[in-house]
């Protein structure tokens, strides 16, 4: 999620200024979404430039940083477009751990089983911490936070299940022929000889 759409959504709730938007974001999404006030004001400036928000009139003794912003009609249209557009989940076809596991088969420096075990320990440690946080969360006052924790735990469970699958098939992997690098000649290909026009 970009800060851009977070601010549009919050300004659709109530016109306000940058520092208050920062507090609203923390209230809506939790402390882990904290961003600095400078980033909020720079984003507001771009939104204003794009005609999606507008600054309300400022009194003589009102500081610029306390000028309330409000959403324009174009801002509401942009926010609604964002809500209606599904977010694509990035499938991890360039997964870093997968690369490490496959390269361990090539290099021979560390057994792939050890690489799997190191990763499993890390995931189990993360699972332990998230489970503790879930147990401490108040299901009434912290329901949004609880849902986020549940999602993170489910992703970890899926990752652990995948590690188990990899481990079960390690023997097959070891006996799978490794891809061979094919050297290709460098430089431009030789020119084809032109047919003799006299013949």
N, C-alpha and C. Protein backbone atom coordinates (compact mmCIF):
# COMPACT_ATOMS: atom_id res chain seq x y z
N UNK A 1 0.84 -1.19 0.00
CA UNK A 1 0.00 0.00 0.00
C UNK A 1 0.87 1.24 0.00
N UNK A 2 0.54 2.18 -0.85
CA UNK A 2 1.33 3.40 -0.88
C UNK A 2 0.76 4.41 0.09
N UNK A 3 1.62 5.32 0.53
CA UNK A 3 1.18 6.40 1.41
C UNK A 3 0.12 7.24 0.71
N UNK A 4 0.27 7.37 -0.61
CA UNK A 4 -0.67 8.16 -1.42
C UNK A 4 -2.13 7.77 -1.14
N UNK A 5 -2.42 6.47 -1.22
CA UNK A 5 -3.81 6.03 -1.06
C UNK A 5 -4.24 6.03 0.40
N UNK A 6 -3.30 5.82 1.30
CA UNK A 6 -3.63 5.92 2.72
C UNK A 6 -4.11 7.33 3.04
N UNK A 7 -3.41 8.34 2.52
CA UNK A 7 -3.80 9.72 2.80
C UNK A 7 -5.13 10.06 2.15
N UNK A 8 -5.35 9.59 0.93
CA UNK A 8 -6.65 9.84 0.28
C UNK A 8 -7.78 9.24 1.11
N UNK A 9 -7.57 8.02 1.61
CA UNK A 9 -8.62 7.36 2.39
C UNK A 9 -8.88 8.11 3.69
N UNK A 10 -7.81 8.56 4.35
CA UNK A 10 -7.98 9.27 5.62
C UNK A 10 -8.62 10.63 5.41
N UNK A 11 -8.26 11.31 4.32
CA UNK A 11 -8.88 12.61 4.05
C UNK A 11 -10.32 12.47 3.61
N UNK A 12 -10.69 11.30 3.07
CA UNK A 12 -12.09 11.07 2.77
C UNK A 12 -12.89 10.92 4.06
N UNK A 13 -12.20 10.49 5.12
CA UNK A 13 -12.84 10.37 6.44
C UNK A 13 -13.03 11.75 7.06
N UNK A 14 -11.97 12.58 7.02
CA UNK A 14 -12.08 13.92 7.59
C UNK A 14 -10.97 14.82 7.06
N UNK A 15 -11.27 16.05 6.70
CA UNK A 15 -10.21 16.99 6.32
C UNK A 15 -9.32 17.27 7.53
N UNK A 16 -8.02 17.25 7.33
CA UNK A 16 -7.10 17.53 8.43
C UNK A 16 -5.72 17.85 7.87
N UNK A 17 -4.74 18.04 8.73
CA UNK A 17 -3.41 18.43 8.28
C UNK A 17 -2.43 17.27 8.52
N UNK A 18 -1.18 17.48 8.07
CA UNK A 18 -0.20 16.39 8.00
C UNK A 18 0.05 15.65 9.29
N UNK A 19 0.30 16.37 10.38
CA UNK A 19 0.64 15.71 11.63
C UNK A 19 -0.53 14.86 12.13
N UNK A 20 -1.73 15.39 11.98
CA UNK A 20 -2.91 14.62 12.38
C UNK A 20 -3.10 13.39 11.50
N UNK A 21 -2.76 13.52 10.21
CA UNK A 21 -2.85 12.37 9.31
C UNK A 21 -1.93 11.24 9.77
N UNK A 22 -0.76 11.62 10.26
CA UNK A 22 0.18 10.62 10.78
C UNK A 22 -0.44 9.87 11.96
N UNK A 23 -1.10 10.62 12.85
CA UNK A 23 -1.73 9.97 14.01
C UNK A 23 -2.93 9.10 13.58
N UNK A 24 -3.68 9.59 12.57
CA UNK A 24 -4.82 8.81 12.06
C UNK A 24 -4.33 7.50 11.45
N UNK A 25 -3.20 7.57 10.73
CA UNK A 25 -2.68 6.36 10.10
C UNK A 25 -2.28 5.34 11.15
N UNK A 26 -1.63 5.79 12.20
CA UNK A 26 -1.24 4.88 13.28
C UNK A 26 -2.48 4.27 13.95
N UNK A 27 -3.51 5.10 14.12
CA UNK A 27 -4.74 4.61 14.75
C UNK A 27 -5.43 3.57 13.87
N UNK A 28 -5.44 3.81 12.54
CA UNK A 28 -6.15 2.92 11.63
C UNK A 28 -5.38 1.64 11.35
N UNK A 29 -4.03 1.74 11.24
CA UNK A 29 -3.24 0.60 10.77
C UNK A 29 -2.30 0.02 11.81
N UNK A 30 -2.11 0.73 12.91
CA UNK A 30 -1.20 0.23 13.95
C UNK A 30 0.16 0.91 13.89
N UNK A 31 0.90 0.79 14.97
CA UNK A 31 2.19 1.47 15.10
C UNK A 31 3.21 1.04 14.06
N UNK A 32 3.09 -0.20 13.56
CA UNK A 32 4.07 -0.71 12.60
C UNK A 32 3.95 -0.03 11.24
N UNK A 33 2.91 0.79 11.02
CA UNK A 33 2.77 1.54 9.77
C UNK A 33 3.24 2.97 9.92
N UNK A 34 3.96 3.26 10.99
CA UNK A 34 4.41 4.62 11.24
C UNK A 34 5.30 5.12 10.12
N UNK A 35 5.01 6.33 9.62
CA UNK A 35 5.89 6.98 8.65
C UNK A 35 6.18 8.39 9.17
N UNK A 36 7.26 8.99 8.68
CA UNK A 36 7.61 10.30 9.21
C UNK A 36 6.74 11.39 8.60
N UNK A 37 6.62 12.47 9.32
CA UNK A 37 5.75 13.57 8.91
C UNK A 37 6.22 14.20 7.60
N UNK A 38 7.55 14.23 7.39
CA UNK A 38 8.07 14.79 6.15
C UNK A 38 7.57 14.06 4.93
N UNK A 39 7.49 12.72 5.02
CA UNK A 39 6.99 11.93 3.90
C UNK A 39 5.52 12.22 3.64
N UNK A 40 4.77 12.43 4.72
CA UNK A 40 3.35 12.76 4.56
C UNK A 40 3.19 14.08 3.83
N UNK A 41 3.96 15.11 4.24
CA UNK A 41 3.82 16.42 3.60
C UNK A 41 4.29 16.41 2.16
N UNK A 42 5.34 15.64 1.86
CA UNK A 42 5.79 15.58 0.47
C UNK A 42 4.75 14.87 -0.40
N UNK A 43 4.09 13.85 0.17
CA UNK A 43 3.03 13.17 -0.58
C UNK A 43 1.82 14.08 -0.76
N UNK A 44 1.47 14.83 0.28
CA UNK A 44 0.36 15.79 0.16
C UNK A 44 0.65 16.81 -0.93
N UNK A 45 1.89 17.25 -1.02
CA UNK A 45 2.27 18.22 -2.04
C UNK A 45 2.04 17.66 -3.44
N UNK A 46 2.41 16.40 -3.64
CA UNK A 46 2.19 15.77 -4.95
C UNK A 46 0.71 15.56 -5.23
N UNK A 47 -0.04 15.18 -4.19
CA UNK A 47 -1.49 15.01 -4.37
C UNK A 47 -2.16 16.34 -4.72
N UNK A 48 -1.68 17.42 -4.11
CA UNK A 48 -2.22 18.74 -4.42
C UNK A 48 -1.88 19.13 -5.86
N UNK A 49 -0.63 18.84 -6.25
CA UNK A 49 -0.21 19.13 -7.62
C UNK A 49 -1.08 18.38 -8.63
N UNK A 50 -1.47 17.13 -8.29
CA UNK A 50 -2.27 16.31 -9.19
C UNK A 50 -3.77 16.61 -9.11
N UNK A 51 -4.15 17.56 -8.24
CA UNK A 51 -5.55 17.95 -8.14
C UNK A 51 -6.41 16.99 -7.35
N UNK A 52 -5.78 16.14 -6.53
CA UNK A 52 -6.54 15.14 -5.76
C UNK A 52 -6.88 15.61 -4.36
N UNK A 53 -6.10 16.57 -3.85
CA UNK A 53 -6.43 17.20 -2.57
C UNK A 53 -6.27 18.70 -2.74
N UNK A 54 -6.88 19.44 -1.82
CA UNK A 54 -6.78 20.89 -1.87
C UNK A 54 -6.59 21.41 -0.45
N UNK A 55 -5.77 22.45 -0.32
CA UNK A 55 -5.59 23.07 1.00
C UNK A 55 -6.73 24.03 1.26
N UNK A 56 -7.25 23.97 2.45
CA UNK A 56 -8.31 24.90 2.82
C UNK A 56 -7.69 26.27 3.11
N UNK A 57 -8.50 27.30 3.05
CA UNK A 57 -7.99 28.65 3.27
C UNK A 57 -7.37 28.75 4.66
N UNK A 58 -6.27 29.49 4.75
CA UNK A 58 -5.49 29.56 5.97
C UNK A 58 -5.69 30.93 6.62
N UNK A 59 -5.87 30.94 7.91
CA UNK A 59 -5.99 32.20 8.62
C UNK A 59 -4.62 32.86 8.73
N UNK A 60 -4.59 34.12 9.05
CA UNK A 60 -3.35 34.89 9.07
C UNK A 60 -2.34 34.31 10.05
N UNK A 61 -2.79 33.90 11.22
CA UNK A 61 -1.87 33.42 12.24
C UNK A 61 -1.73 31.90 12.25
N UNK A 62 -2.18 31.24 11.20
CA UNK A 62 -2.12 29.78 11.15
C UNK A 62 -0.84 29.35 10.42
N UNK A 63 -0.08 28.46 11.03
CA UNK A 63 1.15 27.98 10.42
C UNK A 63 0.84 27.09 9.22
N UNK A 64 1.73 27.12 8.24
CA UNK A 64 1.49 26.37 7.01
C UNK A 64 1.33 24.87 7.29
N UNK A 65 2.10 24.34 8.27
CA UNK A 65 2.03 22.91 8.54
C UNK A 65 0.73 22.51 9.24
N UNK A 66 -0.07 23.50 9.66
CA UNK A 66 -1.36 23.19 10.28
C UNK A 66 -2.52 23.57 9.36
N UNK A 67 -2.23 23.70 8.06
CA UNK A 67 -3.29 23.98 7.10
C UNK A 67 -4.02 22.68 6.76
N UNK A 68 -5.32 22.62 6.98
CA UNK A 68 -6.04 21.37 6.69
C UNK A 68 -6.12 21.10 5.18
N UNK A 69 -6.03 19.85 4.83
CA UNK A 69 -6.23 19.39 3.45
C UNK A 69 -7.57 18.68 3.38
N UNK A 70 -8.19 18.75 2.23
CA UNK A 70 -9.41 17.98 2.01
C UNK A 70 -9.36 17.34 0.63
N UNK A 71 -10.17 16.32 0.46
CA UNK A 71 -10.19 15.56 -0.78
C UNK A 71 -11.01 16.29 -1.83
N UNK A 72 -10.55 16.32 -3.06
CA UNK A 72 -11.33 16.88 -4.17
C UNK A 72 -12.19 15.76 -4.76
N UNK A 73 -13.07 16.13 -5.69
CA UNK A 73 -13.87 15.12 -6.37
C UNK A 73 -12.97 14.15 -7.16
N UNK A 74 -11.93 14.69 -7.79
CA UNK A 74 -10.99 13.82 -8.51
C UNK A 74 -10.28 12.87 -7.53
N UNK A 75 -10.03 13.37 -6.33
CA UNK A 75 -9.40 12.52 -5.31
C UNK A 75 -10.31 11.36 -4.93
N UNK A 76 -11.61 11.63 -4.81
CA UNK A 76 -12.55 10.56 -4.48
C UNK A 76 -12.63 9.53 -5.60
N UNK A 77 -12.62 10.02 -6.84
CA UNK A 77 -12.65 9.11 -7.99
C UNK A 77 -11.40 8.22 -7.99
N UNK A 78 -10.23 8.81 -7.72
CA UNK A 78 -8.97 8.05 -7.69
C UNK A 78 -8.98 7.03 -6.55
N UNK A 79 -9.50 7.43 -5.39
CA UNK A 79 -9.57 6.51 -4.25
C UNK A 79 -10.51 5.35 -4.55
N UNK A 80 -11.67 5.66 -5.15
CA UNK A 80 -12.61 4.59 -5.49
C UNK A 80 -12.00 3.65 -6.54
N UNK A 81 -11.27 4.20 -7.50
CA UNK A 81 -10.61 3.36 -8.52
C UNK A 81 -9.65 2.39 -7.85
N UNK A 82 -8.90 2.89 -6.84
CA UNK A 82 -7.94 2.04 -6.12
C UNK A 82 -8.67 0.93 -5.37
N UNK A 83 -9.80 1.27 -4.73
CA UNK A 83 -10.56 0.25 -4.00
C UNK A 83 -11.10 -0.83 -4.93
N UNK A 84 -11.48 -0.44 -6.13
CA UNK A 84 -12.10 -1.38 -7.07
C UNK A 84 -11.06 -2.22 -7.82
N UNK A 85 -9.82 -1.82 -7.78
CA UNK A 85 -8.78 -2.54 -8.49
C UNK A 85 -8.15 -3.58 -7.56
N UNK A 86 -8.29 -4.88 -7.89
CA UNK A 86 -7.70 -5.89 -7.00
C UNK A 86 -6.19 -5.79 -6.99
N UNK A 87 -5.61 -6.09 -5.85
CA UNK A 87 -4.15 -6.09 -5.73
C UNK A 87 -3.64 -7.47 -6.13
N UNK A 88 -2.71 -7.51 -7.05
CA UNK A 88 -2.17 -8.80 -7.46
C UNK A 88 -1.14 -9.25 -6.43
N UNK A 89 -1.28 -10.48 -6.03
CA UNK A 89 -0.31 -11.07 -5.10
C UNK A 89 0.89 -11.53 -5.91
N UNK A 90 2.07 -11.13 -5.51
CA UNK A 90 3.27 -11.48 -6.25
C UNK A 90 3.67 -12.92 -5.91
N UNK A 91 3.61 -13.78 -6.90
CA UNK A 91 4.07 -15.15 -6.67
C UNK A 91 5.59 -15.14 -6.66
N UNK A 92 6.16 -15.88 -5.71
CA UNK A 92 7.59 -15.76 -5.47
C UNK A 92 8.38 -16.68 -6.40
N UNK A 93 8.33 -16.35 -7.69
CA UNK A 93 9.07 -17.15 -8.65
C UNK A 93 10.53 -16.72 -8.70
N UNK A 94 10.88 -15.67 -7.99
CA UNK A 94 12.28 -15.27 -7.81
C UNK A 94 12.60 -15.25 -6.32
N UNK A 95 12.18 -16.31 -5.64
CA UNK A 95 12.32 -16.39 -4.19
C UNK A 95 13.80 -16.57 -3.80
N UNK A 96 14.26 -15.76 -2.86
CA UNK A 96 15.67 -15.78 -2.45
C UNK A 96 16.06 -17.11 -1.81
N UNK A 97 15.17 -17.67 -0.97
CA UNK A 97 15.52 -18.93 -0.34
C UNK A 97 15.59 -20.06 -1.35
N UNK A 98 14.68 -20.08 -2.30
CA UNK A 98 14.73 -21.09 -3.37
C UNK A 98 16.09 -21.03 -4.08
N UNK A 99 16.54 -19.79 -4.38
CA UNK A 99 17.84 -19.63 -5.05
C UNK A 99 18.96 -20.21 -4.18
N UNK A 100 18.92 -19.91 -2.87
CA UNK A 100 19.95 -20.43 -1.97
C UNK A 100 19.95 -21.96 -1.95
N UNK A 101 18.75 -22.55 -1.89
CA UNK A 101 18.65 -24.00 -1.84
C UNK A 101 19.20 -24.64 -3.12
N UNK A 102 18.79 -24.11 -4.27
CA UNK A 102 19.25 -24.67 -5.54
C UNK A 102 20.77 -24.51 -5.70
N UNK A 103 21.28 -23.37 -5.29
CA UNK A 103 22.72 -23.12 -5.43
C UNK A 103 23.54 -24.00 -4.48
N UNK A 104 22.93 -24.42 -3.38
CA UNK A 104 23.64 -25.33 -2.48
C UNK A 104 23.87 -26.68 -3.16
N UNK A 105 22.99 -27.06 -4.09
CA UNK A 105 23.18 -28.29 -4.86
C UNK A 105 24.36 -28.14 -5.81
N UNK A 106 24.55 -26.94 -6.34
CA UNK A 106 25.66 -26.68 -7.26
C UNK A 106 27.00 -26.60 -6.52
N UNK A 107 27.02 -25.79 -5.45
CA UNK A 107 28.31 -25.42 -4.86
C UNK A 107 28.95 -26.54 -4.05
N UNK A 108 28.13 -27.32 -3.36
CA UNK A 108 28.68 -28.38 -2.53
C UNK A 108 29.31 -27.90 -1.23
N UNK A 109 29.23 -26.61 -0.94
CA UNK A 109 29.84 -26.09 0.27
C UNK A 109 29.06 -26.48 1.52
N UNK A 110 27.73 -26.49 1.41
CA UNK A 110 26.89 -26.86 2.56
C UNK A 110 25.79 -27.79 2.05
N UNK A 111 25.49 -28.85 2.77
CA UNK A 111 24.43 -29.77 2.34
C UNK A 111 23.08 -29.05 2.28
N UNK A 112 22.29 -29.30 1.24
CA UNK A 112 20.97 -28.67 1.14
C UNK A 112 20.10 -28.93 2.37
N UNK A 113 20.26 -30.10 3.00
CA UNK A 113 19.48 -30.41 4.20
C UNK A 113 19.79 -29.42 5.31
N UNK A 114 21.04 -28.99 5.42
CA UNK A 114 21.42 -28.01 6.44
C UNK A 114 20.82 -26.64 6.12
N UNK A 115 20.83 -26.31 4.83
CA UNK A 115 20.24 -25.03 4.41
C UNK A 115 18.76 -25.00 4.76
N UNK A 116 18.08 -26.11 4.53
CA UNK A 116 16.65 -26.21 4.89
C UNK A 116 16.46 -26.09 6.39
N UNK A 117 17.31 -26.74 7.16
CA UNK A 117 17.16 -26.73 8.61
C UNK A 117 17.38 -25.34 9.20
N UNK A 118 18.36 -24.63 8.67
CA UNK A 118 18.62 -23.26 9.14
C UNK A 118 17.40 -22.38 8.88
N UNK A 119 16.82 -22.52 7.69
CA UNK A 119 15.64 -21.71 7.35
C UNK A 119 14.44 -22.10 8.20
N UNK A 120 14.29 -23.41 8.46
CA UNK A 120 13.16 -23.87 9.29
C UNK A 120 13.26 -23.29 10.70
N UNK A 121 14.47 -23.26 11.25
CA UNK A 121 14.64 -22.70 12.60
C UNK A 121 14.23 -21.23 12.64
N UNK A 122 14.60 -20.50 11.59
CA UNK A 122 14.24 -19.07 11.54
C UNK A 122 12.72 -18.89 11.45
N UNK A 123 12.08 -19.68 10.60
CA UNK A 123 10.62 -19.57 10.46
C UNK A 123 9.90 -19.97 11.75
N UNK A 124 10.40 -21.00 12.42
CA UNK A 124 9.78 -21.42 13.69
C UNK A 124 9.96 -20.36 14.76
N UNK A 125 11.10 -19.67 14.75
CA UNK A 125 11.31 -18.58 15.69
C UNK A 125 10.32 -17.44 15.43
N UNK A 126 10.13 -17.12 14.15
CA UNK A 126 9.15 -16.08 13.79
C UNK A 126 7.74 -16.52 14.18
N UNK A 127 7.44 -17.79 13.95
CA UNK A 127 6.12 -18.32 14.31
C UNK A 127 5.88 -18.21 15.82
N UNK A 128 6.90 -18.53 16.61
CA UNK A 128 6.79 -18.44 18.06
C UNK A 128 6.48 -17.00 18.48
N UNK A 129 7.19 -16.04 17.88
CA UNK A 129 6.98 -14.64 18.24
C UNK A 129 5.59 -14.16 17.83
N UNK A 130 5.17 -14.50 16.62
CA UNK A 130 3.84 -14.07 16.16
C UNK A 130 2.74 -14.73 16.98
N UNK A 131 2.93 -15.98 17.35
CA UNK A 131 1.93 -16.67 18.18
C UNK A 131 1.81 -16.01 19.54
N UNK A 132 2.96 -15.60 20.10
CA UNK A 132 2.93 -14.88 21.38
C UNK A 132 2.17 -13.57 21.24
N UNK A 133 2.44 -12.84 20.16
CA UNK A 133 1.75 -11.56 19.93
C UNK A 133 0.25 -11.78 19.75
N UNK A 134 -0.11 -12.86 19.05
CA UNK A 134 -1.54 -13.15 18.86
C UNK A 134 -2.21 -13.45 20.19
N UNK A 135 -1.53 -14.19 21.07
CA UNK A 135 -2.11 -14.54 22.38
C UNK A 135 -2.30 -13.30 23.25
N UNK A 136 -1.44 -12.29 23.06
CA UNK A 136 -1.52 -11.07 23.87
C UNK A 136 -2.50 -10.04 23.31
N UNK A 137 -2.93 -10.23 22.06
CA UNK A 137 -3.82 -9.24 21.43
C UNK A 137 -5.24 -9.37 21.97
N UNK A 138 -5.86 -8.22 22.20
CA UNK A 138 -7.25 -8.18 22.68
C UNK A 138 -8.17 -8.38 21.47
N UNK A 139 -8.95 -9.47 21.44
CA UNK A 139 -9.79 -9.75 20.27
C UNK A 139 -10.90 -8.73 20.04
N UNK A 140 -11.15 -7.88 21.01
CA UNK A 140 -12.19 -6.86 20.85
C UNK A 140 -11.59 -5.54 20.38
N UNK A 141 -10.65 -5.00 21.14
CA UNK A 141 -10.11 -3.68 20.81
C UNK A 141 -9.00 -3.74 19.75
N UNK A 142 -8.41 -4.94 19.54
CA UNK A 142 -7.30 -5.05 18.60
C UNK A 142 -7.60 -6.03 17.47
N UNK A 143 -8.87 -6.10 17.08
CA UNK A 143 -9.25 -7.05 16.04
C UNK A 143 -8.50 -6.83 14.72
N UNK A 144 -8.34 -5.58 14.23
CA UNK A 144 -7.56 -5.41 12.98
C UNK A 144 -6.14 -5.97 13.10
N UNK A 145 -5.47 -5.69 14.22
CA UNK A 145 -4.12 -6.19 14.45
C UNK A 145 -4.12 -7.71 14.51
N UNK A 146 -5.14 -8.29 15.11
CA UNK A 146 -5.26 -9.74 15.23
C UNK A 146 -5.39 -10.38 13.84
N UNK A 147 -6.17 -9.75 12.96
CA UNK A 147 -6.33 -10.28 11.61
C UNK A 147 -5.01 -10.24 10.84
N UNK A 148 -4.24 -9.19 11.03
CA UNK A 148 -2.94 -9.09 10.37
C UNK A 148 -2.00 -10.18 10.88
N UNK A 149 -2.00 -10.41 12.19
CA UNK A 149 -1.18 -11.46 12.77
C UNK A 149 -1.57 -12.84 12.23
N UNK A 150 -2.87 -13.07 12.13
CA UNK A 150 -3.35 -14.36 11.61
C UNK A 150 -2.87 -14.58 10.18
N UNK A 151 -2.93 -13.52 9.36
CA UNK A 151 -2.46 -13.64 7.99
C UNK A 151 -0.98 -13.97 7.93
N UNK A 152 -0.18 -13.29 8.77
CA UNK A 152 1.26 -13.54 8.79
C UNK A 152 1.56 -14.97 9.24
N UNK A 153 0.81 -15.46 10.23
CA UNK A 153 1.01 -16.83 10.72
C UNK A 153 0.67 -17.85 9.63
N UNK A 154 -0.40 -17.60 8.89
CA UNK A 154 -0.78 -18.52 7.82
C UNK A 154 0.29 -18.58 6.73
N UNK A 155 0.88 -17.42 6.41
CA UNK A 155 1.96 -17.41 5.41
C UNK A 155 3.17 -18.21 5.93
N UNK A 156 3.48 -18.07 7.21
CA UNK A 156 4.59 -18.83 7.78
C UNK A 156 4.29 -20.33 7.75
N UNK A 157 3.05 -20.70 8.06
CA UNK A 157 2.67 -22.12 8.02
C UNK A 157 2.85 -22.68 6.61
N UNK A 158 2.46 -21.89 5.60
CA UNK A 158 2.63 -22.33 4.21
C UNK A 158 4.11 -22.49 3.86
N UNK A 159 4.94 -21.55 4.32
CA UNK A 159 6.38 -21.63 4.06
C UNK A 159 6.98 -22.87 4.71
N UNK A 160 6.56 -23.16 5.93
CA UNK A 160 7.07 -24.35 6.62
C UNK A 160 6.64 -25.64 5.91
N UNK A 161 5.42 -25.65 5.42
CA UNK A 161 4.92 -26.81 4.68
C UNK A 161 5.75 -27.01 3.41
N UNK A 162 6.09 -25.91 2.74
CA UNK A 162 6.89 -25.99 1.52
C UNK A 162 8.29 -26.52 1.82
N UNK A 163 8.87 -26.09 2.95
CA UNK A 163 10.18 -26.61 3.34
C UNK A 163 10.12 -28.13 3.55
N UNK A 164 9.03 -28.60 4.17
CA UNK A 164 8.85 -30.04 4.37
C UNK A 164 8.82 -30.77 3.02
N UNK A 165 8.11 -30.19 2.05
CA UNK A 165 8.03 -30.79 0.72
C UNK A 165 9.40 -30.87 0.07
N UNK A 166 10.17 -29.78 0.20
CA UNK A 166 11.53 -29.77 -0.36
C UNK A 166 12.39 -30.84 0.28
N UNK A 167 12.27 -30.98 1.62
CA UNK A 167 13.10 -31.94 2.34
C UNK A 167 12.77 -33.36 1.90
N UNK A 168 11.49 -33.66 1.74
CA UNK A 168 11.07 -35.00 1.33
C UNK A 168 11.66 -35.35 -0.04
N UNK A 169 11.84 -34.34 -0.89
CA UNK A 169 12.28 -34.60 -2.26
C UNK A 169 13.76 -34.29 -2.49
N UNK A 170 14.51 -34.16 -1.40
CA UNK A 170 15.93 -33.84 -1.54
C UNK A 170 16.69 -34.92 -2.31
N UNK A 171 16.38 -36.19 -2.03
CA UNK A 171 17.08 -37.26 -2.75
C UNK A 171 16.81 -37.16 -4.25
N UNK A 172 15.56 -36.88 -4.61
CA UNK A 172 15.25 -36.70 -6.03
C UNK A 172 16.03 -35.54 -6.62
N UNK A 173 16.11 -34.45 -5.86
CA UNK A 173 16.85 -33.28 -6.34
C UNK A 173 18.31 -33.61 -6.58
N UNK A 174 18.89 -34.38 -5.65
CA UNK A 174 20.31 -34.72 -5.78
C UNK A 174 20.59 -35.56 -7.03
N UNK A 175 19.60 -36.35 -7.43
CA UNK A 175 19.79 -37.21 -8.59
C UNK A 175 19.27 -36.59 -9.88
N UNK A 176 18.75 -35.39 -9.76
CA UNK A 176 18.31 -34.68 -10.97
C UNK A 176 19.54 -34.10 -11.66
N UNK A 177 19.74 -34.40 -12.94
CA UNK A 177 20.92 -33.86 -13.62
C UNK A 177 20.92 -32.33 -13.55
N UNK A 178 22.05 -31.79 -13.18
CA UNK A 178 22.16 -30.33 -13.11
C UNK A 178 22.20 -29.77 -14.52
N UNK A 179 21.60 -28.60 -14.72
CA UNK A 179 21.65 -27.99 -16.05
C UNK A 179 23.09 -27.74 -16.46
N UNK A 180 23.37 -27.94 -17.72
CA UNK A 180 24.71 -27.72 -18.25
C UNK A 180 24.77 -26.38 -18.95
N UNK A 181 25.84 -25.65 -18.70
CA UNK A 181 26.02 -24.36 -19.36
C UNK A 181 26.53 -24.61 -20.77
N UNK A 182 25.87 -24.00 -21.73
CA UNK A 182 26.27 -24.14 -23.13
C UNK A 182 26.97 -22.85 -23.55
N UNK A 183 28.25 -22.98 -23.92
CA UNK A 183 28.99 -21.79 -24.37
C UNK A 183 28.53 -21.41 -25.76
N UNK A 184 28.31 -20.14 -25.95
CA UNK A 184 27.92 -19.64 -27.26
C UNK A 184 28.99 -18.73 -27.80
N UNK A 185 29.26 -18.81 -29.08
CA UNK A 185 30.30 -17.94 -29.64
C UNK A 185 29.92 -16.48 -29.45
N UNK A 186 30.92 -15.68 -29.10
CA UNK A 186 30.68 -14.26 -28.89
C UNK A 186 30.93 -13.50 -30.18
N UNK A 187 30.42 -12.30 -30.24
CA UNK A 187 30.60 -11.46 -31.42
C UNK A 187 29.48 -11.64 -32.42
N UNK A 188 29.61 -10.93 -33.51
CA UNK A 188 28.57 -10.99 -34.54
C UNK A 188 28.70 -12.29 -35.33
N UNK A 189 27.55 -12.81 -35.77
CA UNK A 189 27.62 -14.01 -36.62
C UNK A 189 28.27 -13.66 -37.95
N UNK A 190 28.95 -14.64 -38.58
CA UNK A 190 29.58 -14.34 -39.88
C UNK A 190 28.53 -13.99 -40.93
N UNK A 191 28.91 -13.09 -41.83
CA UNK A 191 27.99 -12.68 -42.89
C UNK A 191 27.78 -13.84 -43.85
N UNK A 192 26.54 -13.94 -44.30
CA UNK A 192 26.26 -14.96 -45.31
C UNK A 192 26.81 -14.51 -46.65
N UNK A 193 27.32 -15.45 -47.39
CA UNK A 193 27.83 -15.08 -48.71
C UNK A 193 26.67 -14.76 -49.63
N UNK A 194 26.81 -13.69 -50.39
CA UNK A 194 25.76 -13.26 -51.30
C UNK A 194 25.80 -14.13 -52.56
N UNK A 195 24.64 -14.50 -53.09
CA UNK A 195 24.63 -15.30 -54.33
C UNK A 195 25.23 -14.51 -55.48
N UNK A 196 25.94 -15.19 -56.38
CA UNK A 196 26.56 -14.55 -57.53
C UNK A 196 25.50 -14.15 -58.52
N UNK A 197 25.37 -12.82 -58.70
CA UNK A 197 24.28 -12.31 -59.56
C UNK A 197 24.54 -12.61 -61.04
N UNK A 198 25.80 -12.96 -61.39
CA UNK A 198 26.11 -13.20 -62.81
C UNK A 198 25.68 -14.58 -63.26
N UNK A 199 25.49 -15.48 -62.28
CA UNK A 199 25.14 -16.84 -62.67
C UNK A 199 23.66 -16.95 -62.96
